[in-house]
Amino acid sequence: MASIFEATAGKLIGPTTGGTVTQATSKATGVTLNTASGQITLHDAALAAGVEVTFEVTNSEIGATDVVVVNHSSAGTAGAYLAQATNIAAGTFKITVANLSSGSLAEAIVLSFVALKGASS
């Protein structure tokens, strides 16, 4: 079996479990999604220009040494958002989303994430 770092043309290798979740009440509302990868649809509350918002993702698949990669994958204004995973710990991580545009945006953007299993020596 190929490792996550080996791929052949036309084939991707990575987590086999994924899921989706939608924020309930605001862009700061935490979510729970217990899969190694997935998509999070953010609430459509306004996010002012240059402002950041952070929310917590509860996820039993996450280990303290994992690396979580997140990006703005669909919906909303392309290139207007920056998303980053922070505060990674066993069972949880946070995502910070910044509005890079010059205006307030009220969009229910979709973020995709994947957890890469890490280890410390």
PDB file of N, CA and C in Angstrom:
ATOM      1  N   MET A   1       0.836  -1.174   0.000  1.00  0.00           N
ATOM      2  CA  MET A   1       0.000   0.000   0.000  1.00  0.00           C
ATOM      3  C   MET A   1       0.883   1.240   0.000  1.00  0.00           C
ATOM      4  N   ALA A   2       0.533   2.200  -0.807  1.00  0.00           N
ATOM      5  CA  ALA A   2       1.298   3.432  -0.885  1.00  0.00           C
ATOM      6  C   ALA A   2       1.091   4.271   0.372  1.00  0.00           C
ATOM      7  N   SER A   3       2.104   5.016   0.742  1.00  0.00           N
ATOM      8  CA  SER A   3       1.968   5.908   1.895  1.00  0.00           C
ATOM      9  C   SER A   3       1.266   7.188   1.467  1.00  0.00           C
ATOM     10  N   ILE A   4       0.972   8.051   2.422  1.00  0.00           N
ATOM     11  CA  ILE A   4       0.309   9.320   2.116  1.00  0.00           C
ATOM     12  C   ILE A   4       1.200  10.197   1.241  1.00  0.00           C
ATOM     13  N   PHE A   5       2.514   9.923   1.221  1.00  0.00           N
ATOM     14  CA  PHE A   5       3.448  10.726   0.443  1.00  0.00           C
ATOM     15  C   PHE A   5       3.710  10.148  -0.948  1.00  0.00           C
ATOM     16  N   GLU A   6       3.131   9.002  -1.261  1.00  0.00           N
ATOM     17  CA  GLU A   6       3.299   8.389  -2.562  1.00  0.00           C
ATOM     18  C   GLU A   6       1.967   8.424  -3.298  1.00  0.00           C
ATOM     19  N   ALA A   7       1.990   8.918  -4.487  1.00  0.00           N
ATOM     20  CA  ALA A   7       0.761   8.964  -5.279  1.00  0.00           C
ATOM     21  C   ALA A   7       1.100   8.703  -6.732  1.00  0.00           C
ATOM     22  N   THR A   8       0.205   8.081  -7.424  1.00  0.00           N
ATOM     23  CA  THR A   8       0.377   7.882  -8.849  1.00  0.00           C
ATOM     24  C   THR A   8      -0.592   8.797  -9.571  1.00  0.00           C
ATOM     25  N   ALA A   9      -0.340   9.030 -10.822  1.00  0.00           N
ATOM     26  CA  ALA A   9      -1.173   9.945 -11.599  1.00  0.00           C
ATOM     27  C   ALA A   9      -2.639   9.566 -11.491  1.00  0.00           C
ATOM     28  N   GLY A  10      -3.469  10.532 -11.146  1.00  0.00           N
ATOM     29  CA  GLY A  10      -4.906  10.311 -11.085  1.00  0.00           C
ATOM     30  C   GLY A  10      -5.420   9.711  -9.797  1.00  0.00           C
ATOM     31  N   LYS A  11      -4.552   9.488  -8.804  1.00  0.00           N
ATOM     32  CA  LYS A  11      -4.998   8.884  -7.554  1.00  0.00           C
ATOM     33  C   LYS A  11      -4.533   9.722  -6.377  1.00  0.00           C
ATOM     34  N   LEU A  12      -5.424   9.926  -5.437  1.00  0.00           N
ATOM     35  CA  LEU A  12      -5.099  10.621  -4.203  1.00  0.00           C
ATOM     36  C   LEU A  12      -5.112   9.627  -3.064  1.00  0.00           C
ATOM     37  N   ILE A  13      -4.242   9.833  -2.113  1.00  0.00           N
ATOM     38  CA  ILE A  13      -4.178   8.951  -0.961  1.00  0.00           C
ATOM     39  C   ILE A  13      -4.353   9.808   0.285  1.00  0.00           C
ATOM     40  N   GLY A  14      -5.220   9.389   1.184  1.00  0.00           N
ATOM     41  CA  GLY A  14      -5.432  10.162   2.400  1.00  0.00           C
ATOM     42  C   GLY A  14      -6.500   9.503   3.253  1.00  0.00           C
ATOM     43  N   PRO A  15      -7.083  10.270   4.160  1.00  0.00           N
ATOM     44  CA  PRO A  15      -8.110   9.709   5.037  1.00  0.00           C
ATOM     45  C   PRO A  15      -9.287   9.145   4.256  1.00  0.00           C
ATOM     46  N   THR A  16      -9.868   8.100   4.795  1.00  0.00           N
ATOM     47  CA  THR A  16     -11.007   7.478   4.132  1.00  0.00           C
ATOM     48  C   THR A  16     -12.328   7.830   4.791  1.00  0.00           C
ATOM     49  N   THR A  17     -12.269   8.558   5.908  1.00  0.00           N
ATOM     50  CA  THR A  17     -13.504   8.948   6.570  1.00  0.00           C
ATOM     51  C   THR A  17     -13.686  10.453   6.464  1.00  0.00           C
ATOM     52  N   GLY A  18     -14.875  10.873   6.172  1.00  0.00           N
ATOM     53  CA  GLY A  18     -15.164  12.297   6.072  1.00  0.00           C
ATOM     54  C   GLY A  18     -16.583  12.556   6.501  1.00  0.00           C
ATOM     55  N   GLY A  19     -16.898  13.823   6.676  1.00  0.00           N
ATOM     56  CA  GLY A  19     -18.245  14.169   7.084  1.00  0.00           C
ATOM     57  C   GLY A  19     -18.502  15.640   6.856  1.00  0.00           C
ATOM     58  N   THR A  20     -19.706  16.068   7.189  1.00  0.00           N
ATOM     59  CA  THR A  20     -20.075  17.469   7.047  1.00  0.00           C
ATOM     60  C   THR A  20     -20.812  17.934   8.296  1.00  0.00           C
ATOM     61  N   VAL A  21     -20.710  19.236   8.555  1.00  0.00           N
ATOM     62  CA  VAL A  21     -21.411  19.841   9.672  1.00  0.00           C
ATOM     63  C   VAL A  21     -21.648  21.307   9.324  1.00  0.00           C
ATOM     64  N   THR A  22     -22.705  21.897   9.889  1.00  0.00           N
ATOM     65  CA  THR A  22     -23.034  23.301   9.664  1.00  0.00           C
ATOM     66  C   THR A  22     -23.123  24.013  11.001  1.00  0.00           C
ATOM     67  N   GLN A  23     -22.514  25.195  11.069  1.00  0.00           N
ATOM     68  CA  GLN A  23     -22.621  26.004  12.283  1.00  0.00           C
ATOM     69  C   GLN A  23     -24.060  26.426  12.501  1.00  0.00           C
ATOM     70  N   ALA A  24     -24.481  26.500  13.752  1.00  0.00           N
ATOM     71  CA  ALA A  24     -25.886  26.769  14.073  1.00  0.00           C
ATOM     72  C   ALA A  24     -26.241  28.244  14.200  1.00  0.00           C
ATOM     73  N   THR A  25     -25.462  29.029  14.939  1.00  0.00           N
ATOM     74  CA  THR A  25     -25.956  30.368  15.280  1.00  0.00           C
ATOM     75  C   THR A  25     -25.040  31.536  14.923  1.00  0.00           C
ATOM     76  N   SER A  26     -23.751  31.317  14.732  1.00  0.00           N
ATOM     77  CA  SER A  26     -22.846  32.401  14.369  1.00  0.00           C
ATOM     78  C   SER A  26     -21.540  31.808  13.856  1.00  0.00           C
ATOM     79  N   LYS A  27     -20.666  32.664  13.317  1.00  0.00           N
ATOM     80  CA  LYS A  27     -19.370  32.174  12.844  1.00  0.00           C
ATOM     81  C   LYS A  27     -18.446  31.781  13.997  1.00  0.00           C
ATOM     82  N   ALA A  28     -18.794  32.146  15.220  1.00  0.00           N
ATOM     83  CA  ALA A  28     -17.997  31.780  16.391  1.00  0.00           C
ATOM     84  C   ALA A  28     -18.517  30.517  17.076  1.00  0.00           C
ATOM     85  N   THR A  29     -19.610  29.957  16.582  1.00  0.00           N
ATOM     86  CA  THR A  29     -20.217  28.771  17.187  1.00  0.00           C
ATOM     87  C   THR A  29     -19.371  27.529  16.908  1.00  0.00           C
ATOM     88  N   GLY A  30     -19.048  26.785  17.953  1.00  0.00           N
ATOM     89  CA  GLY A  30     -18.292  25.548  17.804  1.00  0.00           C
ATOM     90  C   GLY A  30     -19.104  24.464  17.125  1.00  0.00           C
ATOM     91  N   VAL A  31     -18.398  23.490  16.557  1.00  0.00           N
ATOM     92  CA  VAL A  31     -19.037  22.358  15.880  1.00  0.00           C
ATOM     93  C   VAL A  31     -18.384  21.061  16.342  1.00  0.00           C
ATOM     94  N   THR A  32     -19.065  19.947  16.126  1.00  0.00           N
ATOM     95  CA  THR A  32     -18.520  18.622  16.407  1.00  0.00           C
ATOM     96  C   THR A  32     -18.572  17.792  15.136  1.00  0.00           C
ATOM     97  N   LEU A  33     -17.431  17.234  14.764  1.00  0.00           N
ATOM     98  CA  LEU A  33     -17.351  16.359  13.597  1.00  0.00           C
ATOM     99  C   LEU A  33     -16.220  15.375  13.856  1.00  0.00           C
ATOM    100  N   ASN A  34     -16.561  14.119  14.117  1.00  0.00           N
ATOM    101  CA  ASN A  34     -15.594  13.096  14.508  1.00  0.00           C
ATOM    102  C   ASN A  34     -15.123  12.260  13.325  1.00  0.00           C
ATOM    103  N   THR A  35     -14.507  12.930  12.350  1.00  0.00           N
ATOM    104  CA  THR A  35     -13.946  12.264  11.175  1.00  0.00           C
ATOM    105  C   THR A  35     -12.569  12.846  10.880  1.00  0.00           C
ATOM    106  N   ALA A  36     -11.736  12.099  10.151  1.00  0.00           N
ATOM    107  CA  ALA A  36     -10.372  12.544   9.853  1.00  0.00           C
ATOM    108  C   ALA A  36     -10.328  13.668   8.821  1.00  0.00           C
ATOM    109  N   SER A  37     -11.417  13.866   8.107  1.00  0.00           N
ATOM    110  CA  SER A  37     -11.510  14.967   7.148  1.00  0.00           C
ATOM    111  C   SER A  37     -12.974  15.367   7.058  1.00  0.00           C
ATOM    112  N   GLY A  38     -13.214  16.526   6.484  1.00  0.00           N
ATOM    113  CA  GLY A  38     -14.607  16.920   6.358  1.00  0.00           C
ATOM    114  C   GLY A  38     -14.784  18.324   5.850  1.00  0.00           C
ATOM    115  N   GLN A  39     -16.044  18.733   5.833  1.00  0.00           N
ATOM    116  CA  GLN A  39     -16.400  20.075   5.396  1.00  0.00           C
ATOM    117  C   GLN A  39     -17.283  20.724   6.460  1.00  0.00           C
ATOM    118  N   ILE A  40     -16.977  21.980   6.732  1.00  0.00           N
ATOM    119  CA  ILE A  40     -17.726  22.761   7.712  1.00  0.00           C
ATOM    120  C   ILE A  40     -18.344  23.940   6.982  1.00  0.00           C
ATOM    121  N   THR A  41     -19.682  24.023   7.003  1.00  0.00           N
ATOM    122  CA  THR A  41     -20.363  25.176   6.423  1.00  0.00           C
ATOM    123  C   THR A  41     -20.549  26.196   7.533  1.00  0.00           C
ATOM    124  N   LEU A  42     -19.956  27.373   7.342  1.00  0.00           N
ATOM    125  CA  LEU A  42     -20.054  28.414   8.351  1.00  0.00           C
ATOM    126  C   LEU A  42     -21.407  29.098   8.281  1.00  0.00           C
ATOM    127  N   HIS A  43     -21.810  29.683   9.387  1.00  0.00           N
ATOM    128  CA  HIS A  43     -23.027  30.485   9.466  1.00  0.00           C
ATOM    129  C   HIS A  43     -22.853  31.691   8.534  1.00  0.00           C
ATOM    130  N   ASP A  44     -23.947  32.239   8.044  1.00  0.00           N
ATOM    131  CA  ASP A  44     -23.854  33.363   7.102  1.00  0.00           C
ATOM    132  C   ASP A  44     -23.831  34.736   7.777  1.00  0.00           C
ATOM    133  N   ALA A  45     -23.521  34.790   9.053  1.00  0.00           N
ATOM    134  CA  ALA A  45     -23.406  36.074   9.763  1.00  0.00           C
ATOM    135  C   ALA A  45     -22.314  36.924   9.113  1.00  0.00           C
ATOM    136  N   ALA A  46     -22.487  38.237   9.181  1.00  0.00           N
ATOM    137  CA  ALA A  46     -21.522  39.161   8.582  1.00  0.00           C
ATOM    138  C   ALA A  46     -20.177  39.093   9.301  1.00  0.00           C
ATOM    139  N   LEU A  47     -19.116  39.200   8.517  1.00  0.00           N
ATOM    140  CA  LEU A  47     -17.755  39.299   9.034  1.00  0.00           C
ATOM    141  C   LEU A  47     -17.159  40.553   8.415  1.00  0.00           C
ATOM    142  N   ALA A  48     -16.861  41.543   9.248  1.00  0.00           N
ATOM    143  CA  ALA A  48     -16.382  42.836   8.764  1.00  0.00           C
ATOM    144  C   ALA A  48     -15.019  42.709   8.094  1.00  0.00           C
ATOM    145  N   ALA A  49     -14.698  43.666   7.245  1.00  0.00           N
ATOM    146  CA  ALA A  49     -13.407  43.696   6.558  1.00  0.00           C
ATOM    147  C   ALA A  49     -12.268  43.687   7.569  1.00  0.00           C
ATOM    148  N   GLY A  50     -11.274  42.842   7.341  1.00  0.00           N
ATOM    149  CA  GLY A  50     -10.103  42.784   8.195  1.00  0.00           C
ATOM    150  C   GLY A  50     -10.305  42.125   9.546  1.00  0.00           C
ATOM    151  N   VAL A  51     -11.457  41.540   9.775  1.00  0.00           N
ATOM    152  CA  VAL A  51     -11.768  40.936  11.070  1.00  0.00           C
ATOM    153  C   VAL A  51     -11.564  39.422  11.013  1.00  0.00           C
ATOM    154  N   GLU A  52     -11.137  38.858  12.151  1.00  0.00           N
ATOM    155  CA  GLU A  52     -10.980  37.409  12.296  1.00  0.00           C
ATOM    156  C   GLU A  52     -12.009  36.884  13.278  1.00  0.00           C
ATOM    157  N   VAL A  53     -12.411  35.636  13.076  1.00  0.00           N
ATOM    158  CA  VAL A  53     -13.280  34.946  14.020  1.00  0.00           C
ATOM    159  C   VAL A  53     -12.710  33.543  14.230  1.00  0.00           C
ATOM    160  N   THR A  54     -12.801  33.050  15.459  1.00  0.00           N
ATOM    161  CA  THR A  54     -12.279  31.729  15.792  1.00  0.00           C
ATOM    162  C   THR A  54     -13.394  30.885  16.393  1.00  0.00           C
ATOM    163  N   PHE A  55     -13.443  29.609  15.987  1.00  0.00           N
ATOM    164  CA  PHE A  55     -14.398  28.677  16.581  1.00  0.00           C
ATOM    165  C   PHE A  55     -13.708  27.349  16.833  1.00  0.00           C
ATOM    166  N   GLU A  56     -14.274  26.568  17.747  1.00  0.00           N
ATOM    167  CA  GLU A  56     -13.693  25.286  18.132  1.00  0.00           C
ATOM    168  C   GLU A  56     -14.353  24.133  17.382  1.00  0.00           C
ATOM    169  N   VAL A  57     -13.524  23.171  16.982  1.00  0.00           N
ATOM    170  CA  VAL A  57     -14.002  21.939  16.375  1.00  0.00           C
ATOM    171  C   VAL A  57     -13.691  20.810  17.347  1.00  0.00           C
ATOM    172  N   THR A  58     -14.718  20.157  17.870  1.00  0.00           N
ATOM    173  CA  THR A  58     -14.545  18.988  18.719  1.00  0.00           C
ATOM    174  C   THR A  58     -14.496  17.780  17.800  1.00  0.00           C
ATOM    175  N   ASN A  59     -13.411  16.992  17.921  1.00  0.00           N
ATOM    176  CA  ASN A  59     -13.203  15.902  16.978  1.00  0.00           C
ATOM    177  C   ASN A  59     -12.374  14.808  17.650  1.00  0.00           C
ATOM    178  N   SER A  60     -12.984  13.668  17.916  1.00  0.00           N
ATOM    179  CA  SER A  60     -12.319  12.569  18.618  1.00  0.00           C
ATOM    180  C   SER A  60     -11.192  11.928  17.811  1.00  0.00           C
ATOM    181  N   GLU A  61     -11.105  12.231  16.527  1.00  0.00           N
ATOM    182  CA  GLU A  61     -10.052  11.658  15.677  1.00  0.00           C
ATOM    183  C   GLU A  61      -8.732  12.425  15.773  1.00  0.00           C
ATOM    184  N   ILE A  62      -8.737  13.592  16.394  1.00  0.00           N
ATOM    185  CA  ILE A  62      -7.561  14.460  16.421  1.00  0.00           C
ATOM    186  C   ILE A  62      -6.664  14.124  17.604  1.00  0.00           C
ATOM    187  N   GLY A  63      -5.366  13.990  17.317  1.00  0.00           N
ATOM    188  CA  GLY A  63      -4.361  13.784  18.353  1.00  0.00           C
ATOM    189  C   GLY A  63      -3.553  15.055  18.558  1.00  0.00           C
ATOM    190  N   ALA A  64      -2.908  15.164  19.688  1.00  0.00           N
ATOM    191  CA  ALA A  64      -2.157  16.368  20.032  1.00  0.00           C
ATOM    192  C   ALA A  64      -1.007  16.659  19.072  1.00  0.00           C
ATOM    193  N   THR A  65      -0.470  15.638  18.416  1.00  0.00           N
ATOM    194  CA  THR A  65       0.655  15.847  17.500  1.00  0.00           C
ATOM    195  C   THR A  65       0.236  15.888  16.033  1.00  0.00           C
ATOM    196  N   ASP A  66      -1.057  15.856  15.767  1.00  0.00           N
ATOM    197  CA  ASP A  66      -1.539  15.888  14.385  1.00  0.00           C
ATOM    198  C   ASP A  66      -1.349  17.270  13.767  1.00  0.00           C
ATOM    199  N   VAL A  67      -1.383  17.296  12.453  1.00  0.00           N
ATOM    200  CA  VAL A  67      -1.371  18.544  11.692  1.00  0.00           C
ATOM    201  C   VAL A  67      -2.722  18.635  11.004  1.00  0.00           C
ATOM    202  N   VAL A  68      -3.429  19.735  11.203  1.00  0.00           N
ATOM    203  CA  VAL A  68      -4.732  19.926  10.575  1.00  0.00           C
ATOM    204  C   VAL A  68      -4.588  20.993   9.501  1.00  0.00           C
ATOM    205  N   VAL A  69      -4.948  20.627   8.279  1.00  0.00           N
ATOM    206  CA  VAL A  69      -4.897  21.542   7.144  1.00  0.00           C
ATOM    207  C   VAL A  69      -6.329  21.940   6.827  1.00  0.00           C
ATOM    208  N   VAL A  70      -6.573  23.243   6.674  1.00  0.00           N
ATOM    209  CA  VAL A  70      -7.922  23.737   6.394  1.00  0.00           C
ATOM    210  C   VAL A  70      -7.846  24.804   5.316  1.00  0.00           C
ATOM    211  N   ASN A  71      -8.862  24.830   4.446  1.00  0.00           N
ATOM    212  CA  ASN A  71      -8.929  25.889   3.437  1.00  0.00           C
ATOM    213  C   ASN A  71     -10.375  26.220   3.089  1.00  0.00           C
ATOM    214  N   HIS A  72     -10.545  27.377   2.491  1.00  0.00           N
ATOM    215  CA  HIS A  72     -11.853  27.808   1.990  1.00  0.00           C
ATOM    216  C   HIS A  72     -12.059  27.078   0.674  1.00  0.00           C
ATOM    217  N   SER A  73     -13.006  26.142   0.647  1.00  0.00           N
ATOM    218  CA  SER A  73     -13.130  25.282  -0.533  1.00  0.00           C
ATOM    219  C   SER A  73     -14.278  25.642  -1.462  1.00  0.00           C
ATOM    220  N   SER A  74     -15.345  26.254  -0.944  1.00  0.00           N
ATOM    221  CA  SER A  74     -16.449  26.611  -1.840  1.00  0.00           C
ATOM    222  C   SER A  74     -17.385  27.609  -1.184  1.00  0.00           C
ATOM    223  N   ALA A  75     -18.283  28.137  -1.976  1.00  0.00           N
ATOM    224  CA  ALA A  75     -19.279  29.136  -1.577  1.00  0.00           C
ATOM    225  C   ALA A  75     -18.589  30.441  -1.182  1.00  0.00           C
ATOM    226  N   GLY A  76     -19.275  31.526  -1.377  1.00  0.00           N
ATOM    227  CA  GLY A  76     -18.719  32.820  -0.998  1.00  0.00           C
ATOM    228  C   GLY A  76     -17.733  33.363  -2.012  1.00  0.00           C
ATOM    229  N   THR A  77     -17.093  34.453  -1.643  1.00  0.00           N
ATOM    230  CA  THR A  77     -16.175  35.172  -2.513  1.00  0.00           C
ATOM    231  C   THR A  77     -14.800  34.517  -2.513  1.00  0.00           C
ATOM    232  N   ALA A  78     -14.382  33.997  -3.656  1.00  0.00           N
ATOM    233  CA  ALA A  78     -13.081  33.339  -3.769  1.00  0.00           C
ATOM    234  C   ALA A  78     -11.962  34.327  -3.469  1.00  0.00           C
ATOM    235  N   GLY A  79     -11.001  33.902  -2.674  1.00  0.00           N
ATOM    236  CA  GLY A  79      -9.848  34.726  -2.345  1.00  0.00           C
ATOM    237  C   GLY A  79     -10.079  35.745  -1.248  1.00  0.00           C
ATOM    238  N   ALA A  80     -11.297  35.819  -0.721  1.00  0.00           N
ATOM    239  CA  ALA A  80     -11.620  36.821   0.298  1.00  0.00           C
ATOM    240  C   ALA A  80     -11.370  36.330   1.720  1.00  0.00           C
ATOM    241  N   TYR A  81     -11.077  35.048   1.894  1.00  0.00           N
ATOM    242  CA  TYR A  81     -10.938  34.482   3.233  1.00  0.00           C
ATOM    243  C   TYR A  81      -9.610  33.751   3.386  1.00  0.00           C
ATOM    244  N   LEU A  82      -9.099  33.797   4.609  1.00  0.00           N
ATOM    245  CA  LEU A  82      -7.944  33.001   4.994  1.00  0.00           C
ATOM    246  C   LEU A  82      -8.375  32.154   6.181  1.00  0.00           C
ATOM    247  N   ALA A  83      -8.135  30.853   6.110  1.00  0.00           N
ATOM    248  CA  ALA A  83      -8.517  29.944   7.200  1.00  0.00           C
ATOM    249  C   ALA A  83      -7.284  29.201   7.679  1.00  0.00           C
ATOM    250  N   GLN A  84      -7.193  29.032   9.005  1.00  0.00           N
ATOM    251  CA  GLN A  84      -6.039  28.368   9.591  1.00  0.00           C
ATOM    252  C   GLN A  84      -6.460  27.583  10.824  1.00  0.00           C
ATOM    253  N   ALA A  85      -5.924  26.372  10.968  1.00  0.00           N
ATOM    254  CA  ALA A  85      -6.161  25.564  12.167  1.00  0.00           C
ATOM    255  C   ALA A  85      -5.140  25.944  13.230  1.00  0.00           C
ATOM    256  N   THR A  86      -5.614  26.088  14.475  1.00  0.00           N
ATOM    257  CA  THR A  86      -4.739  26.457  15.590  1.00  0.00           C
ATOM    258  C   THR A  86      -5.121  25.645  16.825  1.00  0.00           C
ATOM    259  N   ASN A  87      -4.324  25.762  17.873  1.00  0.00           N
ATOM    260  CA  ASN A  87      -4.619  25.147  19.164  1.00  0.00           C
ATOM    261  C   ASN A  87      -4.999  23.669  19.047  1.00  0.00           C
ATOM    262  N   ILE A  88      -4.216  22.915  18.300  1.00  0.00           N
ATOM    263  CA  ILE A  88      -4.497  21.490  18.090  1.00  0.00           C
ATOM    264  C   ILE A  88      -4.141  20.716  19.363  1.00  0.00           C
ATOM    265  N   ALA A  89      -5.114  19.959  19.859  1.00  0.00           N
ATOM    266  CA  ALA A  89      -4.935  19.147  21.070  1.00  0.00           C
ATOM    267  C   ALA A  89      -5.723  17.856  20.887  1.00  0.00           C
ATOM    268  N   ALA A  90      -5.540  16.918  21.767  1.00  0.00           N
ATOM    269  CA  ALA A  90      -6.274  15.659  21.681  1.00  0.00           C
ATOM    270  C   ALA A  90      -7.772  15.937  21.743  1.00  0.00           C
ATOM    271  N   GLY A  91      -8.480  15.589  20.675  1.00  0.00           N
ATOM    272  CA  GLY A  91      -9.931  15.720  20.631  1.00  0.00           C
ATOM    273  C   GLY A  91     -10.466  17.077  20.223  1.00  0.00           C
ATOM    274  N   THR A  92      -9.605  18.007  19.863  1.00  0.00           N
ATOM    275  CA  THR A  92     -10.090  19.344  19.522  1.00  0.00           C
ATOM    276  C   THR A  92      -9.064  20.153  18.741  1.00  0.00           C
ATOM    277  N   PHE A  93      -9.554  21.105  17.982  1.00  0.00           N
ATOM    278  CA  PHE A  93      -8.710  22.127  17.356  1.00  0.00           C
ATOM    279  C   PHE A  93      -9.584  23.343  17.107  1.00  0.00           C
ATOM    280  N   LYS A  94      -8.946  24.454  16.833  1.00  0.00           N
ATOM    281  CA  LYS A  94      -9.683  25.668  16.521  1.00  0.00           C
ATOM    282  C   LYS A  94      -9.382  26.082  15.098  1.00  0.00           C
ATOM    283  N   ILE A  95     -10.340  26.772  14.481  1.00  0.00           N
ATOM    284  CA  ILE A  95     -10.152  27.332  13.156  1.00  0.00           C
ATOM    285  C   ILE A  95     -10.370  28.840  13.253  1.00  0.00           C
ATOM    286  N   THR A  96      -9.423  29.594  12.715  1.00  0.00           N
ATOM    287  CA  THR A  96      -9.552  31.043  12.633  1.00  0.00           C
ATOM    288  C   THR A  96      -9.769  31.401  11.172  1.00  0.00           C
ATOM    289  N   VAL A  97     -10.800  32.198  10.929  1.00  0.00           N
ATOM    290  CA  VAL A  97     -11.138  32.654   9.576  1.00  0.00           C
ATOM    291  C   VAL A  97     -11.023  34.174   9.556  1.00  0.00           C
ATOM    292  N   ALA A  98     -10.310  34.699   8.573  1.00  0.00           N
ATOM    293  CA  ALA A  98     -10.146  36.141   8.426  1.00  0.00           C
ATOM    294  C   ALA A  98     -10.790  36.604   7.125  1.00  0.00           C
ATOM    295  N   ASN A  99     -11.435  37.753   7.170  1.00  0.00           N
ATOM    296  CA  ASN A  99     -11.990  38.393   5.980  1.00  0.00           C
ATOM    297  C   ASN A  99     -10.908  39.311   5.424  1.00  0.00           C
ATOM    298  N   LEU A 100     -10.337  38.948   4.288  1.00  0.00           N
ATOM    299  CA  LEU A 100      -9.259  39.710   3.667  1.00  0.00           C
ATOM    300  C   LEU A 100      -9.760  40.809   2.741  1.00  0.00           C
ATOM    301  N   SER A 101     -11.056  40.868   2.522  1.00  0.00           N
ATOM    302  CA  SER A 101     -11.613  41.831   1.564  1.00  0.00           C
ATOM    303  C   SER A 101     -11.717  43.229   2.183  1.00  0.00           C
ATOM    304  N   SER A 102     -12.105  44.184   1.367  1.00  0.00           N
ATOM    305  CA  SER A 102     -12.244  45.567   1.839  1.00  0.00           C
ATOM    306  C   SER A 102     -13.663  45.883   2.298  1.00  0.00           C
ATOM    307  N   GLY A 103     -14.533  44.871   2.336  1.00  0.00           N
ATOM    308  CA  GLY A 103     -15.912  45.096   2.763  1.00  0.00           C
ATOM    309  C   GLY A 103     -16.416  43.984   3.653  1.00  0.00           C
ATOM    310  N   SER A 104     -17.522  44.237   4.321  1.00  0.00           N
ATOM    311  CA  SER A 104     -18.162  43.233   5.160  1.00  0.00           C
ATOM    312  C   SER A 104     -18.769  42.146   4.269  1.00  0.00           C
ATOM    313  N   LEU A 105     -18.602  40.889   4.660  1.00  0.00           N
ATOM    314  CA  LEU A 105     -19.144  39.763   3.894  1.00  0.00           C
ATOM    315  C   LEU A 105     -20.047  38.924   4.785  1.00  0.00           C
ATOM    316  N   ALA A 106     -21.232  38.608   4.301  1.00  0.00           N
ATOM    317  CA  ALA A 106     -22.186  37.761   5.021  1.00  0.00           C
ATOM    318  C   ALA A 106     -22.446  36.528   4.165  1.00  0.00           C
ATOM    319  N   GLU A 107     -21.512  35.596   4.202  1.00  0.00           N
ATOM    320  CA  GLU A 107     -21.562  34.423   3.333  1.00  0.00           C
ATOM    321  C   GLU A 107     -21.390  33.144   4.141  1.00  0.00           C
ATOM    322  N   ALA A 108     -22.124  32.126   3.777  1.00  0.00           N
ATOM    323  CA  ALA A 108     -22.008  30.811   4.408  1.00  0.00           C
ATOM    324  C   ALA A 108     -20.955  30.011   3.642  1.00  0.00           C
ATOM    325  N   ILE A 109     -19.689  30.346   3.896  1.00  0.00           N
ATOM    326  CA  ILE A 109     -18.611  29.670   3.176  1.00  0.00           C
ATOM    327  C   ILE A 109     -18.436  28.243   3.674  1.00  0.00           C
ATOM    328  N   VAL A 110     -17.810  27.429   2.848  1.00  0.00           N
ATOM    329  CA  VAL A 110     -17.524  26.040   3.204  1.00  0.00           C
ATOM    330  C   VAL A 110     -16.017  25.879   3.353  1.00  0.00           C
ATOM    331  N   LEU A 111     -15.609  25.361   4.504  1.00  0.00           N
ATOM    332  CA  LEU A 111     -14.215  25.050   4.772  1.00  0.00           C
ATOM    333  C   LEU A 111     -14.018  23.547   4.686  1.00  0.00           C
ATOM    334  N   SER A 112     -12.922  23.128   4.072  1.00  0.00           N
ATOM    335  CA  SER A 112     -12.554  21.713   4.057  1.00  0.00           C
ATOM    336  C   SER A 112     -11.333  21.533   4.936  1.00  0.00           C
ATOM    337  N   PHE A 113     -11.290  20.408   5.670  1.00  0.00           N
ATOM    338  CA  PHE A 113     -10.126  20.131   6.509  1.00  0.00           C
ATOM    339  C   PHE A 113      -9.720  18.678   6.376  1.00  0.00           C
ATOM    340  N   VAL A 114      -8.461  18.428   6.700  1.00  0.00           N
ATOM    341  CA  VAL A 114      -7.947  17.065   6.774  1.00  0.00           C
ATOM    342  C   VAL A 114      -6.929  17.012   7.901  1.00  0.00           C
ATOM    343  N   ALA A 115      -6.952  15.948   8.668  1.00  0.00           N
ATOM    344  CA  ALA A 115      -5.990  15.737   9.744  1.00  0.00           C
ATOM    345  C   ALA A 115      -4.919  14.769   9.257  1.00  0.00           C
ATOM    346  N   LEU A 116      -3.686  15.201   9.344  1.00  0.00           N
ATOM    347  CA  LEU A 116      -2.543  14.363   9.000  1.00  0.00           C
ATOM    348  C   LEU A 116      -1.944  13.859  10.315  1.00  0.00           C
ATOM    349  N   LYS A 117      -1.873  12.563  10.450  1.00  0.00           N
ATOM    350  CA  LYS A 117      -1.383  11.981  11.698  1.00  0.00           C
ATOM    351  C   LYS A 117       0.085  12.340  11.905  1.00  0.00           C
ATOM    352  N   GLY A 118       0.385  12.865  13.077  1.00  0.00           N
ATOM    353  CA  GLY A 118       1.736  13.282  13.411  1.00  0.00           C
ATOM    354  C   GLY A 118       2.287  12.466  14.560  1.00  0.00           C
ATOM    355  N   ALA A 119       3.568  12.653  14.799  1.00  0.00           N
ATOM    356  CA  ALA A 119       4.224  11.985  15.910  1.00  0.00           C
ATOM    357  C   ALA A 119       5.350  12.868  16.400  1.00  0.00           C
ATOM    358  N   SER A 120       5.690  12.762  17.647  1.00  0.00           N
ATOM    359  CA  SER A 120       6.841  13.480  18.165  1.00  0.00           C
ATOM    360  C   SER A 120       7.854  12.457  18.630  1.00  0.00           C
ATOM    361  N   SER A 121       9.103  12.835  18.521  1.00  0.00           N
ATOM    362  CA  SER A 121      10.132  11.871  18.923  1.00  0.00           C
ATOM    363  C   SER A 121      10.779  12.245  20.218  1.00  0.00           C
TER     364      SER A 121
END
